[in-house]
Amino acid sequence: MSDIKKIATRESYGEALVELGREHSDLVVLDADLAASTKTGVFKKVFPKRHVDCGIAEANMMDIAAGIAAAGKVPFASTFAMFAAGRAYEQVRNGIGYPHLNVKIGATHAGISVGEDGATHQAIEDIALMRVIPGMTVICPADDIEARAAVHAAYETPGPVYLRFGRLPVPVINDRPDYKFEIGKGVVLKEGKDLTVISTGLCVPETLEAAYQLEKEGISVKVINIHTIKPLDEELVIKAARETGKVVTVEEHSVIGGLGSAVCDTLSTNAPTKVMKIGVQDQFGESGPALELLDKYELNARGIYKQIKSWI
């Protein structure tokens, strides 16, 4: 995919905030001394009076966001996923989730593709932590177009929303006239009859590439992009499982509590199906170049292809 345009979804987040800021005067952006990294700095340049740098105090930032939301405005609280979902978990749960306040959490640098920052900064548990909070919407966009659409949709959605973005530039795969983003609705990217592969975030374009390789070997693969992990598109997941009989989930997250667990929860109740979960296998990440880590943890196209081929 070297010839395809690549953009980091954190870049998309910053640009989408500026677009929204021009449309809505009630939008306020908060950051925890990471505006250059989370790309909220572009919003600050255009709307300096509507940007609040809370310093390296993520828990405090979440409570400030809660207060701003209670006052009737729409805050986007931004920091690394490890700090948003990890360090500030109690404040997100009790200060935002419990009163169901209209706070949007922009969590960047998620997953092992953070790279050299290592295990302490590589959030591979954040989806699990956020999806268990009652009323929390959880979105993990696959590319620039989807990320921008997700930010706009989050603004329009009442209540707390967790938006998961990455550091690594990823291929733009949704650049087509018929693309439509809708919270809670998955997108079928490729039809197939032998197997369904359900993917999210950075792993979606890699999954597509793996599926086309499997197709060359006579294995027909249906590929679904699940950008909204909560609420999950249960209807689509159940329908695909019944059509193909086998399901694989792929995510740059622990196989415990993330997309794979959400899919298994749905299928075990409605359509018991054999499922393989591809992701980080109950272990921490490590320091190293992002692409090398994705290769080692078999979350690139080659690794996904290898695991699926071995399983079937």
C-alpha atoms as a PDB file:
ATOM      1  CA  MET A   1       0.000   0.000   0.000  1.00  0.00           C
ATOM      2  CA  SER A   2       2.997   2.276  -0.396  1.00  0.00           C
ATOM      3  CA  ASP A   3       1.364   4.143  -3.296  1.00  0.00           C
ATOM      4  CA  ILE A   4      -1.760   5.005  -1.285  1.00  0.00           C
ATOM      5  CA  LYS A   5      -2.037   8.321   0.571  1.00  0.00           C
ATOM      6  CA  LYS A   6      -1.391   7.882   4.280  1.00  0.00           C
ATOM      7  CA  ILE A   7      -2.543  10.200   7.080  1.00  0.00           C
ATOM      8  CA  ALA A   8      -2.433   9.709  10.848  1.00  0.00           C
ATOM      9  CA  THR A   9      -5.909   9.847  12.372  1.00  0.00           C
ATOM     10  CA  ARG A  10      -4.607  12.213  15.076  1.00  0.00           C
ATOM     11  CA  GLU A  11      -4.016  14.705  12.229  1.00  0.00           C
ATOM     12  CA  SER A  12      -7.608  14.183  11.116  1.00  0.00           C
ATOM     13  CA  TYR A  13      -8.791  14.865  14.671  1.00  0.00           C
ATOM     14  CA  GLY A  14      -7.119  18.268  14.798  1.00  0.00           C
ATOM     15  CA  GLU A  15      -8.409  19.319  11.389  1.00  0.00           C
ATOM     16  CA  ALA A  16     -11.957  18.151  12.177  1.00  0.00           C
ATOM     17  CA  LEU A  17     -11.969  20.207  15.386  1.00  0.00           C
ATOM     18  CA  VAL A  18     -11.188  23.339  13.370  1.00  0.00           C
ATOM     19  CA  GLU A  19     -14.026  22.514  10.961  1.00  0.00           C
ATOM     20  CA  LEU A  20     -16.431  22.050  13.861  1.00  0.00           C
ATOM     21  CA  GLY A  21     -15.163  25.155  15.598  1.00  0.00           C
ATOM     22  CA  ARG A  22     -16.132  27.274  12.618  1.00  0.00           C
ATOM     23  CA  GLU A  23     -19.644  25.789  12.667  1.00  0.00           C
ATOM     24  CA  HIS A  24     -20.303  25.720  16.418  1.00  0.00           C
ATOM     25  CA  SER A  25     -19.376  28.465  18.870  1.00  0.00           C
ATOM     26  CA  ASP A  26     -20.094  26.210  21.868  1.00  0.00           C
ATOM     27  CA  LEU A  27     -17.188  23.877  21.047  1.00  0.00           C
ATOM     28  CA  VAL A  28     -14.297  24.033  23.535  1.00  0.00           C
ATOM     29  CA  VAL A  29     -11.066  22.035  23.252  1.00  0.00           C
ATOM     30  CA  LEU A  30      -8.993  20.978  26.254  1.00  0.00           C
ATOM     31  CA  ASP A  31      -5.523  19.495  26.219  1.00  0.00           C
ATOM     32  CA  ALA A  32      -3.022  18.204  28.774  1.00  0.00           C
ATOM     33  CA  ASP A  33       0.193  19.856  27.579  1.00  0.00           C
ATOM     34  CA  LEU A  34       0.236  17.735  24.401  1.00  0.00           C
ATOM     35  CA  ALA A  35      -1.358  20.051  21.831  1.00  0.00           C
ATOM     36  CA  ALA A  36       1.476  19.486  19.343  1.00  0.00           C
ATOM     37  CA  SER A  37       1.140  15.695  19.590  1.00  0.00           C
ATOM     38  CA  THR A  38      -2.656  15.421  19.728  1.00  0.00           C
ATOM     39  CA  LYS A  39      -2.866  18.040  16.948  1.00  0.00           C
ATOM     40  CA  THR A  40      -5.270  20.235  18.909  1.00  0.00           C
ATOM     41  CA  GLY A  41      -2.685  22.941  18.433  1.00  0.00           C
ATOM     42  CA  VAL A  42      -4.228  23.695  15.027  1.00  0.00           C
ATOM     43  CA  PHE A  43      -7.505  24.480  16.808  1.00  0.00           C
ATOM     44  CA  LYS A  44      -5.668  26.683  19.302  1.00  0.00           C
ATOM     45  CA  LYS A  45      -4.178  28.783  16.483  1.00  0.00           C
ATOM     46  CA  VAL A  46      -7.614  29.489  15.017  1.00  0.00           C
ATOM     47  CA  PHE A  47      -9.608  29.726  18.266  1.00  0.00           C
ATOM     48  CA  PRO A  48      -7.167  30.592  21.073  1.00  0.00           C
ATOM     49  CA  LYS A  49      -9.924  31.676  23.473  1.00  0.00           C
ATOM     50  CA  ARG A  50     -11.690  28.320  23.124  1.00  0.00           C
ATOM     51  CA  HIS A  51      -8.625  26.183  23.823  1.00  0.00           C
ATOM     52  CA  VAL A  52      -7.617  25.341  27.392  1.00  0.00           C
ATOM     53  CA  ASP A  53      -4.235  23.813  28.219  1.00  0.00           C
ATOM     54  CA  CYS A  54      -4.754  22.034  31.525  1.00  0.00           C
ATOM     55  CA  GLY A  55      -1.120  21.041  31.912  1.00  0.00           C
ATOM     56  CA  ILE A  56       0.065  17.556  32.764  1.00  0.00           C
ATOM     57  CA  ALA A  57      -3.024  16.931  34.884  1.00  0.00           C
ATOM     58  CA  GLU A  58      -5.294  14.640  32.920  1.00  0.00           C
ATOM     59  CA  ALA A  59      -7.633  13.782  35.783  1.00  0.00           C
ATOM     60  CA  ASN A  60      -8.157  17.466  36.456  1.00  0.00           C
ATOM     61  CA  MET A  61      -8.772  18.056  32.748  1.00  0.00           C
ATOM     62  CA  MET A  62     -11.599  15.518  32.722  1.00  0.00           C
ATOM     63  CA  ASP A  63     -13.288  17.235  35.672  1.00  0.00           C
ATOM     64  CA  ILE A  64     -12.897  20.616  33.974  1.00  0.00           C
ATOM     65  CA  ALA A  65     -14.482  19.125  30.851  1.00  0.00           C
ATOM     66  CA  ALA A  66     -17.342  17.829  32.996  1.00  0.00           C
ATOM     67  CA  GLY A  67     -17.939  21.306  34.382  1.00  0.00           C
ATOM     68  CA  ILE A  68     -17.877  22.868  30.915  1.00  0.00           C
ATOM     69  CA  ALA A  69     -20.393  20.293  29.696  1.00  0.00           C
ATOM     70  CA  ALA A  70     -22.624  20.926  32.716  1.00  0.00           C
ATOM     71  CA  ALA A  71     -22.582  24.610  31.735  1.00  0.00           C
ATOM     72  CA  GLY A  72     -24.045  23.741  28.334  1.00  0.00           C
ATOM     73  CA  LYS A  73     -20.986  23.734  26.095  1.00  0.00           C
ATOM     74  CA  VAL A  74     -19.422  20.793  24.203  1.00  0.00           C
ATOM     75  CA  PRO A  75     -15.877  20.047  25.384  1.00  0.00           C
ATOM     76  CA  PHE A  76     -13.395  17.790  23.587  1.00  0.00           C
ATOM     77  CA  ALA A  77     -10.818  16.644  26.147  1.00  0.00           C
ATOM     78  CA  SER A  78      -7.626  15.534  24.412  1.00  0.00           C
ATOM     79  CA  THR A  79      -4.565  13.548  25.458  1.00  0.00           C
ATOM     80  CA  PHE A  80      -2.837  10.217  24.821  1.00  0.00           C
ATOM     81  CA  ALA A  81      -5.131   7.190  25.135  1.00  0.00           C
ATOM     82  CA  MET A  82      -2.994   5.829  27.972  1.00  0.00           C
ATOM     83  CA  PHE A  83      -3.658   8.959  30.020  1.00  0.00           C
ATOM     84  CA  ALA A  84      -7.278   9.502  28.962  1.00  0.00           C
ATOM     85  CA  ALA A  85      -8.451   5.969  29.666  1.00  0.00           C
ATOM     86  CA  GLY A  86      -5.815   4.981  32.219  1.00  0.00           C
ATOM     87  CA  ARG A  87      -4.619   7.833  34.403  1.00  0.00           C
ATOM     88  CA  ALA A  88      -7.978   9.639  34.384  1.00  0.00           C
ATOM     89  CA  TYR A  89     -10.237   6.575  34.513  1.00  0.00           C
ATOM     90  CA  GLU A  90     -11.903   7.428  37.811  1.00  0.00           C
ATOM     91  CA  GLN A  91     -12.725  10.958  36.667  1.00  0.00           C
ATOM     92  CA  VAL A  92     -14.063   9.698  33.338  1.00  0.00           C
ATOM     93  CA  ARG A  93     -16.194   7.088  35.084  1.00  0.00           C
ATOM     94  CA  ASN A  94     -17.522   9.129  37.990  1.00  0.00           C
ATOM     95  CA  GLY A  95     -17.318  12.689  36.701  1.00  0.00           C
ATOM     96  CA  ILE A  96     -18.414  12.154  33.088  1.00  0.00           C
ATOM     97  CA  GLY A  97     -19.960   8.697  32.689  1.00  0.00           C
ATOM     98  CA  TYR A  98     -22.049   8.540  35.860  1.00  0.00           C
ATOM     99  CA  PRO A  99     -23.857  11.881  35.269  1.00  0.00           C
ATOM    100  CA  HIS A 100     -23.864  11.110  31.515  1.00  0.00           C
ATOM    101  CA  LEU A 101     -22.339  14.461  30.588  1.00  0.00           C
ATOM    102  CA  ASN A 102     -21.802  15.621  27.029  1.00  0.00           C
ATOM    103  CA  VAL A 103     -18.003  15.271  27.018  1.00  0.00           C
ATOM    104  CA  LYS A 104     -16.045  14.001  24.027  1.00  0.00           C
ATOM    105  CA  ILE A 105     -12.701  12.362  24.761  1.00  0.00           C
ATOM    106  CA  GLY A 106     -10.130  12.590  21.974  1.00  0.00           C
ATOM    107  CA  ALA A 107      -7.629   9.842  22.788  1.00  0.00           C
ATOM    108  CA  THR A 108      -4.603   9.834  20.500  1.00  0.00           C
ATOM    109  CA  HIS A 109      -1.493   7.613  20.309  1.00  0.00           C
ATOM    110  CA  ALA A 110      -3.461   4.434  21.009  1.00  0.00           C
ATOM    111  CA  GLY A 111      -2.083   0.921  20.579  1.00  0.00           C
ATOM    112  CA  ILE A 112       1.439  -0.440  20.121  1.00  0.00           C
ATOM    113  CA  SER A 113       2.018   1.748  17.054  1.00  0.00           C
ATOM    114  CA  VAL A 114       2.986   4.549  19.455  1.00  0.00           C
ATOM    115  CA  GLY A 115       6.356   2.861  18.932  1.00  0.00           C
ATOM    116  CA  GLU A 116       9.467   3.854  20.833  1.00  0.00           C
ATOM    117  CA  ASP A 117       7.520   5.315  23.779  1.00  0.00           C
ATOM    118  CA  GLY A 118       7.117   1.713  24.919  1.00  0.00           C
ATOM    119  CA  ALA A 119       4.685  -0.266  27.028  1.00  0.00           C
ATOM    120  CA  THR A 120       3.927   2.513  29.524  1.00  0.00           C
ATOM    121  CA  HIS A 121       2.487   4.685  26.734  1.00  0.00           C
ATOM    122  CA  GLN A 122       0.948   1.974  24.537  1.00  0.00           C
ATOM    123  CA  ALA A 123      -2.724   1.771  25.486  1.00  0.00           C
ATOM    124  CA  ILE A 124      -3.943  -1.693  24.584  1.00  0.00           C
ATOM    125  CA  GLU A 125      -6.628  -1.770  27.300  1.00  0.00           C
ATOM    126  CA  ASP A 126      -8.462   1.483  26.606  1.00  0.00           C
ATOM    127  CA  ILE A 127     -11.324   0.068  24.536  1.00  0.00           C
ATOM    128  CA  ALA A 128     -12.058  -2.457  27.282  1.00  0.00           C
ATOM    129  CA  LEU A 129     -12.009   0.253  29.957  1.00  0.00           C
ATOM    130  CA  MET A 130     -14.242   2.637  28.023  1.00  0.00           C
ATOM    131  CA  ARG A 131     -16.802   0.168  26.684  1.00  0.00           C
ATOM    132  CA  VAL A 132     -17.594  -1.056  30.199  1.00  0.00           C
ATOM    133  CA  ILE A 133     -18.667   2.451  31.311  1.00  0.00           C
ATOM    134  CA  PRO A 134     -22.480   2.653  31.027  1.00  0.00           C
ATOM    135  CA  GLY A 135     -23.629   5.015  28.288  1.00  0.00           C
ATOM    136  CA  MET A 136     -20.163   5.552  26.788  1.00  0.00           C
ATOM    137  CA  THR A 137     -19.961   5.491  22.981  1.00  0.00           C
ATOM    138  CA  VAL A 138     -16.639   4.051  21.739  1.00  0.00           C
ATOM    139  CA  ILE A 139     -15.334   4.838  18.243  1.00  0.00           C
ATOM    140  CA  CYS A 140     -12.105   3.694  16.573  1.00  0.00           C
ATOM    141  CA  PRO A 141     -11.858   5.096  13.012  1.00  0.00           C
ATOM    142  CA  ALA A 142      -9.824   3.386  10.298  1.00  0.00           C
ATOM    143  CA  ASP A 143      -8.564   6.329   8.268  1.00  0.00           C
ATOM    144  CA  ASP A 144      -8.568  10.091   7.733  1.00  0.00           C
ATOM    145  CA  ILE A 145     -12.033  10.276   6.186  1.00  0.00           C
ATOM    146  CA  GLU A 146     -13.609   8.096   8.852  1.00  0.00           C
ATOM    147  CA  ALA A 147     -11.848   9.958  11.656  1.00  0.00           C
ATOM    148  CA  ARG A 148     -13.094  13.343  10.471  1.00  0.00           C
ATOM    149  CA  ALA A 149     -16.623  11.977  10.117  1.00  0.00           C
ATOM    150  CA  ALA A 150     -16.416  10.424  13.594  1.00  0.00           C
ATOM    151  CA  VAL A 151     -15.465  13.734  15.210  1.00  0.00           C
ATOM    152  CA  HIS A 152     -18.419  15.482  13.562  1.00  0.00           C
ATOM    153  CA  ALA A 153     -20.755  12.623  14.560  1.00  0.00           C
ATOM    154  CA  ALA A 154     -19.460  12.693  18.140  1.00  0.00           C
ATOM    155  CA  TYR A 155     -20.361  16.378  18.429  1.00  0.00           C
ATOM    156  CA  GLU A 156     -23.915  15.595  17.310  1.00  0.00           C
ATOM    157  CA  THR A 157     -24.275  12.628  19.683  1.00  0.00           C
ATOM    158  CA  PRO A 158     -25.572  13.444  23.188  1.00  0.00           C
ATOM    159  CA  GLY A 159     -23.560  12.029  26.066  1.00  0.00           C
ATOM    160  CA  PRO A 160     -19.971  10.884  26.516  1.00  0.00           C
ATOM    161  CA  VAL A 161     -17.990   9.651  23.509  1.00  0.00           C
ATOM    162  CA  TYR A 162     -14.530   8.062  23.436  1.00  0.00           C
ATOM    163  CA  LEU A 163     -12.680   8.620  20.151  1.00  0.00           C
ATOM    164  CA  ARG A 164      -9.554   6.496  19.566  1.00  0.00           C
ATOM    165  CA  PHE A 165      -6.866   7.857  17.223  1.00  0.00           C
ATOM    166  CA  GLY A 166      -3.397   6.704  16.211  1.00  0.00           C
ATOM    167  CA  ARG A 167       0.045   8.207  15.806  1.00  0.00           C
ATOM    168  CA  LEU A 168       1.089   6.224  12.732  1.00  0.00           C
ATOM    169  CA  PRO A 169       0.024   7.409   9.251  1.00  0.00           C
ATOM    170  CA  VAL A 170      -2.456   4.907   7.779  1.00  0.00           C
ATOM    171  CA  PRO A 171      -3.827   4.385   4.244  1.00  0.00           C
ATOM    172  CA  VAL A 172      -6.925   6.333   3.223  1.00  0.00           C
ATOM    173  CA  ILE A 173      -9.372   3.587   2.202  1.00  0.00           C
ATOM    174  CA  ASN A 174     -12.754   5.335   2.454  1.00  0.00           C
ATOM    175  CA  ASP A 175     -12.172   7.924  -0.268  1.00  0.00           C
ATOM    176  CA  ARG A 176     -15.223   7.067  -2.335  1.00  0.00           C
ATOM    177  CA  PRO A 177     -18.522   8.836  -3.109  1.00  0.00           C
ATOM    178  CA  ASP A 178     -20.752   6.210  -1.480  1.00  0.00           C
ATOM    179  CA  TYR A 179     -18.971   6.215   1.894  1.00  0.00           C
ATOM    180  CA  LYS A 180     -21.292   7.004   4.777  1.00  0.00           C
ATOM    181  CA  PHE A 181     -20.409   7.187   8.466  1.00  0.00           C
ATOM    182  CA  GLU A 182     -23.069   6.374  11.003  1.00  0.00           C
ATOM    183  CA  ILE A 183     -22.443   5.678  14.675  1.00  0.00           C
ATOM    184  CA  GLY A 184     -23.343   2.082  15.482  1.00  0.00           C
ATOM    185  CA  LYS A 185     -23.248   0.892  11.864  1.00  0.00           C
ATOM    186  CA  GLY A 186     -20.449  -1.251  10.446  1.00  0.00           C
ATOM    187  CA  VAL A 187     -19.247  -1.050   6.855  1.00  0.00           C
ATOM    188  CA  VAL A 188     -18.863  -4.051   4.545  1.00  0.00           C
ATOM    189  CA  LEU A 189     -15.659  -3.444   2.598  1.00  0.00           C
ATOM    190  CA  LYS A 190     -15.511  -6.761   0.780  1.00  0.00           C
ATOM    191  CA  GLU A 191     -17.953  -9.601   0.218  1.00  0.00           C
ATOM    192  CA  GLY A 192     -17.014 -13.240   0.816  1.00  0.00           C
ATOM    193  CA  LYS A 193     -18.550 -16.600   1.643  1.00  0.00           C
ATOM    194  CA  ASP A 194     -15.969 -18.726   3.467  1.00  0.00           C
ATOM    195  CA  LEU A 195     -15.061 -16.483   6.372  1.00  0.00           C
ATOM    196  CA  THR A 196     -15.897 -13.107   7.945  1.00  0.00           C
ATOM    197  CA  VAL A 197     -13.105 -10.887   9.233  1.00  0.00           C
ATOM    198  CA  ILE A 198     -14.201  -7.994  11.436  1.00  0.00           C
ATOM    199  CA  SER A 199     -11.598  -5.297  12.006  1.00  0.00           C
ATOM    200  CA  THR A 200     -11.250  -1.850  13.528  1.00  0.00           C
ATOM    201  CA  GLY A 201      -8.898   1.133  13.400  1.00  0.00           C
ATOM    202  CA  LEU A 202      -5.394   0.829  12.034  1.00  0.00           C
ATOM    203  CA  CYS A 203      -5.901  -2.881  11.330  1.00  0.00           C
ATOM    204  CA  VAL A 204      -8.688  -2.365   8.774  1.00  0.00           C
ATOM    205  CA  PRO A 205      -6.515  -1.626   5.710  1.00  0.00           C
ATOM    206  CA  GLU A 206      -4.104  -4.373   6.778  1.00  0.00           C
ATOM    207  CA  THR A 207      -7.019  -6.796   7.052  1.00  0.00           C
ATOM    208  CA  LEU A 208      -8.202  -5.873   3.567  1.00  0.00           C
ATOM    209  CA  GLU A 209      -4.770  -6.570   2.123  1.00  0.00           C
ATOM    210  CA  ALA A 210      -4.627  -9.927   3.911  1.00  0.00           C
ATOM    211  CA  ALA A 211      -8.102 -10.802   2.615  1.00  0.00           C
ATOM    212  CA  TYR A 212      -7.098 -10.151  -0.995  1.00  0.00           C
ATOM    213  CA  GLN A 213      -4.065 -12.388  -0.520  1.00  0.00           C
ATOM    214  CA  LEU A 214      -6.303 -15.156   0.842  1.00  0.00           C
ATOM    215  CA  GLU A 215      -8.644 -14.636  -2.115  1.00  0.00           C
ATOM    216  CA  LYS A 216      -5.766 -15.473  -4.474  1.00  0.00           C
ATOM    217  CA  GLU A 217      -5.516 -18.821  -2.719  1.00  0.00           C
ATOM    218  CA  GLY A 218      -9.195 -19.616  -3.137  1.00  0.00           C
ATOM    219  CA  ILE A 219     -10.424 -18.447   0.279  1.00  0.00           C
ATOM    220  CA  SER A 220     -13.368 -16.055  -0.043  1.00  0.00           C
ATOM    221  CA  VAL A 221     -13.258 -13.502   2.785  1.00  0.00           C
ATOM    222  CA  LYS A 222     -15.930 -11.017   3.842  1.00  0.00           C
ATOM    223  CA  VAL A 223     -14.340  -7.947   5.442  1.00  0.00           C
ATOM    224  CA  ILE A 224     -16.251  -5.662   7.815  1.00  0.00           C
ATOM    225  CA  ASN A 225     -15.004  -2.394   9.254  1.00  0.00           C
ATOM    226  CA  ILE A 226     -16.436  -1.848  12.723  1.00  0.00           C
ATOM    227  CA  HIS A 227     -15.616   1.757  13.559  1.00  0.00           C
ATOM    228  CA  THR A 228     -18.120   1.904  16.429  1.00  0.00           C
ATOM    229  CA  ILE A 229     -17.319  -0.735  19.005  1.00  0.00           C
ATOM    230  CA  LYS A 230     -20.056   0.490  21.322  1.00  0.00           C
ATOM    231  CA  PRO A 231     -22.851   0.424  20.345  1.00  0.00           C
ATOM    232  CA  LEU A 232     -21.849  -2.533  18.186  1.00  0.00           C
ATOM    233  CA  ASP A 233     -23.648  -3.228  14.907  1.00  0.00           C
ATOM    234  CA  GLU A 234     -25.042  -6.510  16.219  1.00  0.00           C
ATOM    235  CA  GLU A 235     -27.360  -7.041  13.266  1.00  0.00           C
ATOM    236  CA  LEU A 236     -24.487  -6.941  10.785  1.00  0.00           C
ATOM    237  CA  VAL A 237     -22.228  -9.125  12.923  1.00  0.00           C
ATOM    238  CA  ILE A 238     -24.915 -11.797  13.403  1.00  0.00           C
ATOM    239  CA  LYS A 239     -25.883 -11.781   9.720  1.00  0.00           C
ATOM    240  CA  ALA A 240     -22.268 -12.160   8.576  1.00  0.00           C
ATOM    241  CA  ALA A 241     -21.590 -14.974  11.059  1.00  0.00           C
ATOM    242  CA  ARG A 242     -24.619 -16.910   9.875  1.00  0.00           C
ATOM    243  CA  GLU A 243     -23.631 -16.441   6.232  1.00  0.00           C
ATOM    244  CA  THR A 244     -20.005 -17.580   6.534  1.00  0.00           C
ATOM    245  CA  GLY A 245     -19.949 -19.758   9.651  1.00  0.00           C
ATOM    246  CA  LYS A 246     -16.545 -18.536  10.831  1.00  0.00           C
ATOM    247  CA  VAL A 247     -15.462 -15.158  12.250  1.00  0.00           C
ATOM    248  CA  VAL A 248     -12.091 -13.541  12.888  1.00  0.00           C
ATOM    249  CA  THR A 249     -11.688 -10.238  14.734  1.00  0.00           C
ATOM    250  CA  VAL A 250      -8.634  -8.017  14.287  1.00  0.00           C
ATOM    251  CA  GLU A 251      -7.639  -5.081  16.493  1.00  0.00           C
ATOM    252  CA  GLU A 252      -4.603  -3.147  17.728  1.00  0.00           C
ATOM    253  CA  HIS A 253      -5.709  -3.821  21.289  1.00  0.00           C
ATOM    254  CA  SER A 254      -5.679  -6.632  23.784  1.00  0.00           C
ATOM    255  CA  VAL A 255      -7.781  -9.602  22.728  1.00  0.00           C
ATOM    256  CA  ILE A 256      -9.360  -9.275  26.174  1.00  0.00           C
ATOM    257  CA  GLY A 257     -12.201  -6.774  26.414  1.00  0.00           C
ATOM    258  CA  GLY A 258     -11.970  -5.084  23.025  1.00  0.00           C
ATOM    259  CA  LEU A 259     -13.626  -5.594  19.646  1.00  0.00           C
ATOM    260  CA  GLY A 260     -13.166  -9.355  19.770  1.00  0.00           C
ATOM    261  CA  SER A 261     -14.865  -9.605  23.134  1.00  0.00           C
ATOM    262  CA  ALA A 262     -17.729  -7.378  21.975  1.00  0.00           C
ATOM    263  CA  VAL A 263     -18.262  -9.594  18.923  1.00  0.00           C
ATOM    264  CA  CYS A 264     -18.095 -12.780  21.011  1.00  0.00           C
ATOM    265  CA  ASP A 265     -20.592 -11.362  23.517  1.00  0.00           C
ATOM    266  CA  THR A 266     -23.038 -10.802  20.673  1.00  0.00           C
ATOM    267  CA  LEU A 267     -22.500 -14.100  18.875  1.00  0.00           C
ATOM    268  CA  SER A 268     -22.561 -16.296  21.978  1.00  0.00           C
ATOM    269  CA  THR A 269     -26.056 -15.021  22.724  1.00  0.00           C
ATOM    270  CA  ASN A 270     -27.515 -14.778  19.236  1.00  0.00           C
ATOM    271  CA  ALA A 271     -25.563 -16.982  16.823  1.00  0.00           C
ATOM    272  CA  PRO A 272     -22.901 -19.223  18.388  1.00  0.00           C
ATOM    273  CA  THR A 273     -19.990 -19.204  15.944  1.00  0.00           C
ATOM    274  CA  LYS A 274     -16.364 -20.279  15.910  1.00  0.00           C
ATOM    275  CA  VAL A 275     -14.284 -17.126  16.468  1.00  0.00           C
ATOM    276  CA  MET A 276     -10.560 -16.355  16.413  1.00  0.00           C
ATOM    277  CA  LYS A 277      -9.414 -13.091  18.012  1.00  0.00           C
ATOM    278  CA  ILE A 278      -6.329 -11.456  16.512  1.00  0.00           C
ATOM    279  CA  GLY A 279      -4.753  -8.728  18.613  1.00  0.00           C
ATOM    280  CA  VAL A 280      -2.277  -8.334  21.459  1.00  0.00           C
ATOM    281  CA  GLN A 281      -2.277 -11.630  23.334  1.00  0.00           C
ATOM    282  CA  ASP A 282      -2.471 -10.881  27.085  1.00  0.00           C
ATOM    283  CA  GLN A 283       0.896  -9.149  27.138  1.00  0.00           C
ATOM    284  CA  PHE A 284       2.344  -5.651  27.253  1.00  0.00           C
ATOM    285  CA  GLY A 285       3.835  -3.881  24.283  1.00  0.00           C
ATOM    286  CA  GLU A 286       7.492  -2.878  24.075  1.00  0.00           C
ATOM    287  CA  SER A 287       9.706  -0.126  22.740  1.00  0.00           C
ATOM    288  CA  GLY A 288      10.553  -0.175  19.038  1.00  0.00           C
ATOM    289  CA  PRO A 289       9.712   1.288  15.629  1.00  0.00           C
ATOM    290  CA  ALA A 290       5.961   1.155  15.025  1.00  0.00           C
ATOM    291  CA  LEU A 291       6.105  -0.875  11.813  1.00  0.00           C
ATOM    292  CA  GLU A 292       8.469  -3.406  13.378  1.00  0.00           C
ATOM    293  CA  LEU A 293       6.177  -3.797  16.368  1.00  0.00           C
ATOM    294  CA  LEU A 294       3.148  -4.370  14.135  1.00  0.00           C
ATOM    295  CA  ASP A 295       5.160  -7.018  12.319  1.00  0.00           C
ATOM    296  CA  LYS A 296       6.317  -8.712  15.528  1.00  0.00           C
ATOM    297  CA  TYR A 297       2.815  -8.765  17.016  1.00  0.00           C
ATOM    298  CA  GLU A 298       1.452  -9.946  13.637  1.00  0.00           C
ATOM    299  CA  LEU A 299      -0.957  -7.042  13.231  1.00  0.00           C
ATOM    300  CA  ASN A 300       0.166  -6.070   9.730  1.00  0.00           C
ATOM    301  CA  ALA A 301      -1.200  -7.648   6.550  1.00  0.00           C
ATOM    302  CA  ARG A 302       1.399 -10.413   6.541  1.00  0.00           C
ATOM    303  CA  GLY A 303       0.760 -11.341  10.160  1.00  0.00           C
ATOM    304  CA  ILE A 304      -3.014 -11.265   9.793  1.00  0.00           C
ATOM    305  CA  TYR A 305      -2.821 -13.420   6.661  1.00  0.00           C
ATOM    306  CA  LYS A 306      -0.521 -15.895   8.407  1.00  0.00           C
ATOM    307  CA  GLN A 307      -2.770 -16.253  11.447  1.00  0.00           C
ATOM    308  CA  ILE A 308      -5.972 -16.659   9.451  1.00  0.00           C
ATOM    309  CA  LYS A 309      -4.363 -19.170   7.062  1.00  0.00           C
ATOM    310  CA  SER A 310      -3.119 -21.231  10.004  1.00  0.00           C
ATOM    311  CA  TRP A 311      -6.513 -21.156  11.722  1.00  0.00           C
ATOM    312  CA  ILE A 312      -8.597 -22.288   8.774  1.00  0.00           C
END
